[in-house]
Amino acid sequence: MQKVACTKCETLILPTTAQKTGGLCLPCSTGTREAIEQSKAYYQKERKLDRTDPERLFWKALVSRVHGPGGFAALRAQEKKYFAAHVLLGEVYNGGFEQFFHNHSGEYFIVASQTLLELGAQRSLRLLRRAKEILFASDDVPLHTPVRRQYLANHPIKEREALETLDKEFWSDPDALYEKLSAFAREHGLFGVAA
């Protein structure tokens, strides 16, 4: 059976499909073709930014350095601050404060807290400190992941619900943290370009 061209996008389709859809391929007939094309354009733009954007390039290099010889300890002070706060953002946006403390990222609690304070991100700092209190009470946040996970395993559902409330407030971005972190990095020349 010879295929025919969609009357809108010219993709080859079966004649039976064309007959059912008035000559259109299924994505064009359902209206998803436009969304597909928008998605393609978005991801092409993102891939280009991954190769050209100074902030993204710096972040990739920083992550490589943290996972390489010397690790986090080998970073300069301003790089540590940027990294810890950025990891906090990524973890909380992905899975909440519980995920931040559950994963390896929890060991950056002190540096992330100091960075939020330095950035003037008082509301975000308050949320982070409250999450720490819910999970660890007055104890210090353990540096070792298995110890932190033991704390997390011992918390009742009620406290997890309180964490979810904090997560939602953090997600509303009360301090415009990404913008503040970008400004911090530019001010300290972290992207290779001083402000």
C-alpha atoms as a PDB file:
ATOM      1  CA  MET A   1       0.000   0.000   0.000  1.00  0.00           C
ATOM      2  CA  GLN A   2       1.461   3.319  -1.052  1.00  0.00           C
ATOM      3  CA  LYS A   3       1.540   6.039   1.591  1.00  0.00           C
ATOM      4  CA  VAL A   4       0.264   9.556   1.058  1.00  0.00           C
ATOM      5  CA  ALA A   5       1.516  12.851   2.429  1.00  0.00           C
ATOM      6  CA  CYS A   6      -0.207  14.554   5.359  1.00  0.00           C
ATOM      7  CA  THR A   7      -1.849  17.672   3.952  1.00  0.00           C
ATOM      8  CA  LYS A   8      -0.411  19.797   6.771  1.00  0.00           C
ATOM      9  CA  CYS A   9       3.135  18.568   7.511  1.00  0.00           C
ATOM     10  CA  GLU A  10       3.751  16.247   4.524  1.00  0.00           C
ATOM     11  CA  THR A  11       4.684  13.249   6.696  1.00  0.00           C
ATOM     12  CA  LEU A  12       3.879  10.025   4.844  1.00  0.00           C
ATOM     13  CA  ILE A  13       0.849   8.218   6.255  1.00  0.00           C
ATOM     14  CA  LEU A  14      -1.338   5.269   5.356  1.00  0.00           C
ATOM     15  CA  PRO A  15      -4.264   6.042   3.071  1.00  0.00           C
ATOM     16  CA  THR A  16      -6.618   4.581   5.693  1.00  0.00           C
ATOM     17  CA  THR A  17      -5.304   7.082   8.246  1.00  0.00           C
ATOM     18  CA  ALA A  18      -5.711   9.933   5.748  1.00  0.00           C
ATOM     19  CA  GLN A  19      -9.275   8.830   5.080  1.00  0.00           C
ATOM     20  CA  LYS A  20     -10.147   8.786   8.810  1.00  0.00           C
ATOM     21  CA  THR A  21      -8.448  12.123   9.614  1.00  0.00           C
ATOM     22  CA  GLY A  22      -9.284  14.199   6.573  1.00  0.00           C
ATOM     23  CA  GLY A  23      -5.787  13.850   5.098  1.00  0.00           C
ATOM     24  CA  LEU A  24      -3.844  14.563   8.269  1.00  0.00           C
ATOM     25  CA  CYS A  25      -1.328  12.461  10.162  1.00  0.00           C
ATOM     26  CA  LEU A  26      -2.355  11.615  13.728  1.00  0.00           C
ATOM     27  CA  PRO A  27      -0.198  14.289  15.414  1.00  0.00           C
ATOM     28  CA  CYS A  28      -1.622  16.981  13.124  1.00  0.00           C
ATOM     29  CA  SER A  29      -5.186  15.719  13.515  1.00  0.00           C
ATOM     30  CA  THR A  30      -4.988  15.676  17.327  1.00  0.00           C
ATOM     31  CA  GLY A  31      -3.146  18.978  17.570  1.00  0.00           C
ATOM     32  CA  THR A  32      -0.019  17.482  19.106  1.00  0.00           C
ATOM     33  CA  ARG A  33       2.254  18.240  16.134  1.00  0.00           C
ATOM     34  CA  GLU A  34       2.656  21.840  17.292  1.00  0.00           C
ATOM     35  CA  ALA A  35       3.540  20.696  20.810  1.00  0.00           C
ATOM     36  CA  ILE A  36       6.072  18.224  19.384  1.00  0.00           C
ATOM     37  CA  GLU A  37       7.721  20.949  17.316  1.00  0.00           C
ATOM     38  CA  GLN A  38       7.769  23.351  20.282  1.00  0.00           C
ATOM     39  CA  SER A  39       9.355  20.644  22.414  1.00  0.00           C
ATOM     40  CA  LYS A  40      12.025  19.969  19.789  1.00  0.00           C
ATOM     41  CA  ALA A  41      12.832  23.689  19.553  1.00  0.00           C
ATOM     42  CA  TYR A  42      12.994  23.992  23.353  1.00  0.00           C
ATOM     43  CA  TYR A  43      15.419  21.084  23.728  1.00  0.00           C
ATOM     44  CA  GLN A  44      17.582  22.304  20.844  1.00  0.00           C
ATOM     45  CA  LYS A  45      17.847  25.658  22.617  1.00  0.00           C
ATOM     46  CA  GLU A  46      18.663  23.929  25.922  1.00  0.00           C
ATOM     47  CA  ARG A  47      21.396  21.805  24.307  1.00  0.00           C
ATOM     48  CA  LYS A  48      22.925  24.926  22.783  1.00  0.00           C
ATOM     49  CA  LEU A  49      22.874  26.674  26.181  1.00  0.00           C
ATOM     50  CA  ASP A  50      24.555  23.624  27.741  1.00  0.00           C
ATOM     51  CA  ARG A  51      27.462  24.233  25.347  1.00  0.00           C
ATOM     52  CA  THR A  52      27.582  28.047  25.467  1.00  0.00           C
ATOM     53  CA  ASP A  53      26.077  29.471  28.678  1.00  0.00           C
ATOM     54  CA  PRO A  54      28.877  30.445  31.114  1.00  0.00           C
ATOM     55  CA  GLU A  55      26.768  29.543  34.168  1.00  0.00           C
ATOM     56  CA  ARG A  56      25.926  26.079  32.889  1.00  0.00           C
ATOM     57  CA  LEU A  57      29.509  25.449  31.835  1.00  0.00           C
ATOM     58  CA  PHE A  58      30.734  26.538  35.262  1.00  0.00           C
ATOM     59  CA  TRP A  59      28.206  24.287  37.015  1.00  0.00           C
ATOM     60  CA  LYS A  60      29.257  21.233  34.974  1.00  0.00           C
ATOM     61  CA  ALA A  61      32.921  21.907  35.712  1.00  0.00           C
ATOM     62  CA  LEU A  62      32.186  22.458  39.396  1.00  0.00           C
ATOM     63  CA  VAL A  63      30.287  19.174  39.691  1.00  0.00           C
ATOM     64  CA  SER A  64      33.180  17.375  37.987  1.00  0.00           C
ATOM     65  CA  ARG A  65      35.627  18.902  40.433  1.00  0.00           C
ATOM     66  CA  VAL A  66      33.492  17.939  43.452  1.00  0.00           C
ATOM     67  CA  HIS A  67      33.446  14.351  42.211  1.00  0.00           C
ATOM     68  CA  GLY A  68      37.140  14.379  41.335  1.00  0.00           C
ATOM     69  CA  PRO A  69      40.373  14.414  43.343  1.00  0.00           C
ATOM     70  CA  GLY A  70      40.103  16.589  46.422  1.00  0.00           C
ATOM     71  CA  GLY A  71      36.326  16.787  46.156  1.00  0.00           C
ATOM     72  CA  PHE A  72      34.314  19.545  47.788  1.00  0.00           C
ATOM     73  CA  ALA A  73      37.173  20.365  50.183  1.00  0.00           C
ATOM     74  CA  ALA A  74      39.377  21.398  47.240  1.00  0.00           C
ATOM     75  CA  LEU A  75      36.966  24.129  46.097  1.00  0.00           C
ATOM     76  CA  ARG A  76      37.587  27.794  46.873  1.00  0.00           C
ATOM     77  CA  ALA A  77      35.314  29.298  49.548  1.00  0.00           C
ATOM     78  CA  GLN A  78      33.006  31.085  47.087  1.00  0.00           C
ATOM     79  CA  GLU A  79      32.735  27.957  44.937  1.00  0.00           C
ATOM     80  CA  LYS A  80      31.737  25.923  48.007  1.00  0.00           C
ATOM     81  CA  LYS A  81      28.998  28.408  48.820  1.00  0.00           C
ATOM     82  CA  TYR A  82      27.667  28.451  45.267  1.00  0.00           C
ATOM     83  CA  PHE A  83      27.787  24.659  45.039  1.00  0.00           C
ATOM     84  CA  ALA A  84      26.107  24.004  48.405  1.00  0.00           C
ATOM     85  CA  ALA A  85      23.269  26.459  47.763  1.00  0.00           C
ATOM     86  CA  HIS A  86      22.762  25.193  44.228  1.00  0.00           C
ATOM     87  CA  VAL A  87      22.608  21.592  45.459  1.00  0.00           C
ATOM     88  CA  LEU A  88      20.084  22.636  48.109  1.00  0.00           C
ATOM     89  CA  LEU A  89      17.911  24.214  45.407  1.00  0.00           C
ATOM     90  CA  GLY A  90      18.139  21.203  43.128  1.00  0.00           C
ATOM     91  CA  GLU A  91      17.367  18.659  45.828  1.00  0.00           C
ATOM     92  CA  VAL A  92      14.489  20.561  47.426  1.00  0.00           C
ATOM     93  CA  TYR A  93      12.900  21.348  44.060  1.00  0.00           C
ATOM     94  CA  ASN A  94      13.262  17.706  43.053  1.00  0.00           C
ATOM     95  CA  GLY A  95      12.106  15.937  46.201  1.00  0.00           C
ATOM     96  CA  GLY A  96      11.807  18.351  49.080  1.00  0.00           C
ATOM     97  CA  PHE A  97      13.849  18.956  52.202  1.00  0.00           C
ATOM     98  CA  GLU A  98      13.678  15.287  53.098  1.00  0.00           C
ATOM     99  CA  GLN A  99      15.495  14.434  49.866  1.00  0.00           C
ATOM    100  CA  PHE A 100      18.128  17.100  50.576  1.00  0.00           C
ATOM    101  CA  PHE A 101      18.909  15.574  53.961  1.00  0.00           C
ATOM    102  CA  HIS A 102      18.505  11.965  52.796  1.00  0.00           C
ATOM    103  CA  ASN A 103      21.026  12.243  49.978  1.00  0.00           C
ATOM    104  CA  HIS A 104      24.727  12.990  50.089  1.00  0.00           C
ATOM    105  CA  SER A 105      23.745  16.655  49.750  1.00  0.00           C
ATOM    106  CA  GLY A 106      22.774  16.806  53.438  1.00  0.00           C
ATOM    107  CA  GLU A 107      26.422  17.159  54.354  1.00  0.00           C
ATOM    108  CA  TYR A 108      26.352  20.637  52.787  1.00  0.00           C
ATOM    109  CA  PHE A 109      23.725  21.893  55.276  1.00  0.00           C
ATOM    110  CA  ILE A 110      26.067  24.229  57.144  1.00  0.00           C
ATOM    111  CA  VAL A 111      27.603  25.772  54.021  1.00  0.00           C
ATOM    112  CA  ALA A 112      24.185  26.095  52.363  1.00  0.00           C
ATOM    113  CA  SER A 113      22.847  27.821  55.496  1.00  0.00           C
ATOM    114  CA  GLN A 114      25.792  30.230  55.578  1.00  0.00           C
ATOM    115  CA  THR A 115      25.292  30.996  51.902  1.00  0.00           C
ATOM    116  CA  LEU A 116      21.583  31.731  52.313  1.00  0.00           C
ATOM    117  CA  LEU A 117      22.455  34.080  55.163  1.00  0.00           C
ATOM    118  CA  GLU A 118      25.107  35.820  53.045  1.00  0.00           C
ATOM    119  CA  LEU A 119      22.664  36.153  50.146  1.00  0.00           C
ATOM    120  CA  GLY A 120      20.074  37.739  52.408  1.00  0.00           C
ATOM    121  CA  ALA A 121      17.672  34.870  51.687  1.00  0.00           C
ATOM    122  CA  GLN A 122      16.068  35.037  55.115  1.00  0.00           C
ATOM    123  CA  ARG A 123      12.815  33.243  54.283  1.00  0.00           C
ATOM    124  CA  SER A 124      14.578  30.357  52.563  1.00  0.00           C
ATOM    125  CA  LEU A 125      17.022  30.112  55.452  1.00  0.00           C
ATOM    126  CA  ARG A 126      14.134  30.011  57.927  1.00  0.00           C
ATOM    127  CA  LEU A 127      12.551  27.150  55.954  1.00  0.00           C
ATOM    128  CA  LEU A 128      15.820  25.208  55.824  1.00  0.00           C
ATOM    129  CA  ARG A 129      16.399  25.648  59.550  1.00  0.00           C
ATOM    130  CA  ARG A 130      12.819  24.602  60.338  1.00  0.00           C
ATOM    131  CA  ALA A 131      13.223  21.444  58.227  1.00  0.00           C
ATOM    132  CA  LYS A 132      16.442  20.691  60.099  1.00  0.00           C
ATOM    133  CA  GLU A 133      14.611  21.115  63.444  1.00  0.00           C
ATOM    134  CA  ILE A 134      11.815  18.782  62.376  1.00  0.00           C
ATOM    135  CA  LEU A 135      14.257  16.065  61.349  1.00  0.00           C
ATOM    136  CA  PHE A 136      17.145  16.466  63.780  1.00  0.00           C
ATOM    137  CA  ALA A 137      15.689  18.531  66.654  1.00  0.00           C
ATOM    138  CA  SER A 138      18.540  20.281  68.468  1.00  0.00           C
ATOM    139  CA  ASP A 139      21.159  17.780  67.238  1.00  0.00           C
ATOM    140  CA  ASP A 140      23.697  18.781  64.610  1.00  0.00           C
ATOM    141  CA  VAL A 141      23.010  17.445  61.131  1.00  0.00           C
ATOM    142  CA  PRO A 142      25.173  14.316  60.905  1.00  0.00           C
ATOM    143  CA  LEU A 143      27.852  14.497  58.229  1.00  0.00           C
ATOM    144  CA  HIS A 144      27.585  10.801  57.398  1.00  0.00           C
ATOM    145  CA  THR A 145      24.721   9.868  55.110  1.00  0.00           C
ATOM    146  CA  PRO A 146      23.813   6.556  56.837  1.00  0.00           C
ATOM    147  CA  VAL A 147      23.463   8.352  60.180  1.00  0.00           C
ATOM    148  CA  ARG A 148      21.253  11.052  58.643  1.00  0.00           C
ATOM    149  CA  ARG A 149      19.115   8.373  57.018  1.00  0.00           C
ATOM    150  CA  GLN A 150      18.611   6.682  60.373  1.00  0.00           C
ATOM    151  CA  TYR A 151      17.240   9.952  61.764  1.00  0.00           C
ATOM    152  CA  LEU A 152      14.913  10.259  58.783  1.00  0.00           C
ATOM    153  CA  ALA A 153      13.653   6.701  59.165  1.00  0.00           C
ATOM    154  CA  ASN A 154      12.537   7.456  62.728  1.00  0.00           C
ATOM    155  CA  HIS A 155      10.160  10.328  61.938  1.00  0.00           C
ATOM    156  CA  PRO A 156       6.377   9.930  61.996  1.00  0.00           C
ATOM    157  CA  ILE A 157       4.041  10.829  59.143  1.00  0.00           C
ATOM    158  CA  LYS A 158       2.889  13.988  60.951  1.00  0.00           C
ATOM    159  CA  GLU A 159       6.386  15.445  60.717  1.00  0.00           C
ATOM    160  CA  ARG A 160       6.633  14.504  57.063  1.00  0.00           C
ATOM    161  CA  GLU A 161       3.440  16.460  56.435  1.00  0.00           C
ATOM    162  CA  ALA A 162       5.034  19.476  58.135  1.00  0.00           C
ATOM    163  CA  LEU A 163       8.007  19.076  55.790  1.00  0.00           C
ATOM    164  CA  GLU A 164       5.699  19.065  52.774  1.00  0.00           C
ATOM    165  CA  THR A 165       4.324  22.426  53.882  1.00  0.00           C
ATOM    166  CA  LEU A 166       7.872  23.785  54.094  1.00  0.00           C
ATOM    167  CA  ASP A 167       8.675  22.318  50.668  1.00  0.00           C
ATOM    168  CA  LYS A 168       5.737  24.130  49.082  1.00  0.00           C
ATOM    169  CA  GLU A 169       6.744  27.416  50.647  1.00  0.00           C
ATOM    170  CA  PHE A 170      10.337  26.946  49.447  1.00  0.00           C
ATOM    171  CA  TRP A 171       9.112  26.077  45.948  1.00  0.00           C
ATOM    172  CA  SER A 172       7.340  29.450  45.787  1.00  0.00           C
ATOM    173  CA  ASP A 173      10.901  30.885  45.717  1.00  0.00           C
ATOM    174  CA  PRO A 174      10.342  33.611  48.330  1.00  0.00           C
ATOM    175  CA  ASP A 175      13.887  34.942  47.960  1.00  0.00           C
ATOM    176  CA  ALA A 176      14.485  34.561  44.190  1.00  0.00           C
ATOM    177  CA  LEU A 177      17.403  32.251  44.972  1.00  0.00           C
ATOM    178  CA  TYR A 178      18.494  31.421  41.428  1.00  0.00           C
ATOM    179  CA  GLU A 179      18.815  35.097  40.643  1.00  0.00           C
ATOM    180  CA  LYS A 180      20.691  35.769  43.883  1.00  0.00           C
ATOM    181  CA  LEU A 181      23.045  32.853  43.254  1.00  0.00           C
ATOM    182  CA  SER A 182      23.734  34.035  39.712  1.00  0.00           C
ATOM    183  CA  ALA A 183      24.458  37.543  40.983  1.00  0.00           C
ATOM    184  CA  PHE A 184      26.719  36.096  43.706  1.00  0.00           C
ATOM    185  CA  ALA A 185      28.655  34.081  41.111  1.00  0.00           C
ATOM    186  CA  ARG A 186      29.047  37.055  38.787  1.00  0.00           C
ATOM    187  CA  GLU A 187      30.141  39.286  41.682  1.00  0.00           C
ATOM    188  CA  HIS A 188      32.878  36.794  42.578  1.00  0.00           C
ATOM    189  CA  GLY A 189      33.871  36.077  38.978  1.00  0.00           C
ATOM    190  CA  LEU A 190      32.919  32.398  39.224  1.00  0.00           C
ATOM    191  CA  PHE A 191      31.725  32.210  35.622  1.00  0.00           C
ATOM    192  CA  GLY A 192      35.008  33.640  34.427  1.00  0.00           C
ATOM    193  CA  VAL A 193      33.397  37.060  34.038  1.00  0.00           C
ATOM    194  CA  ALA A 194      33.407  39.543  36.907  1.00  0.00           C
ATOM    195  CA  ALA A 195      30.383  41.780  37.403  1.00  0.00           C
END
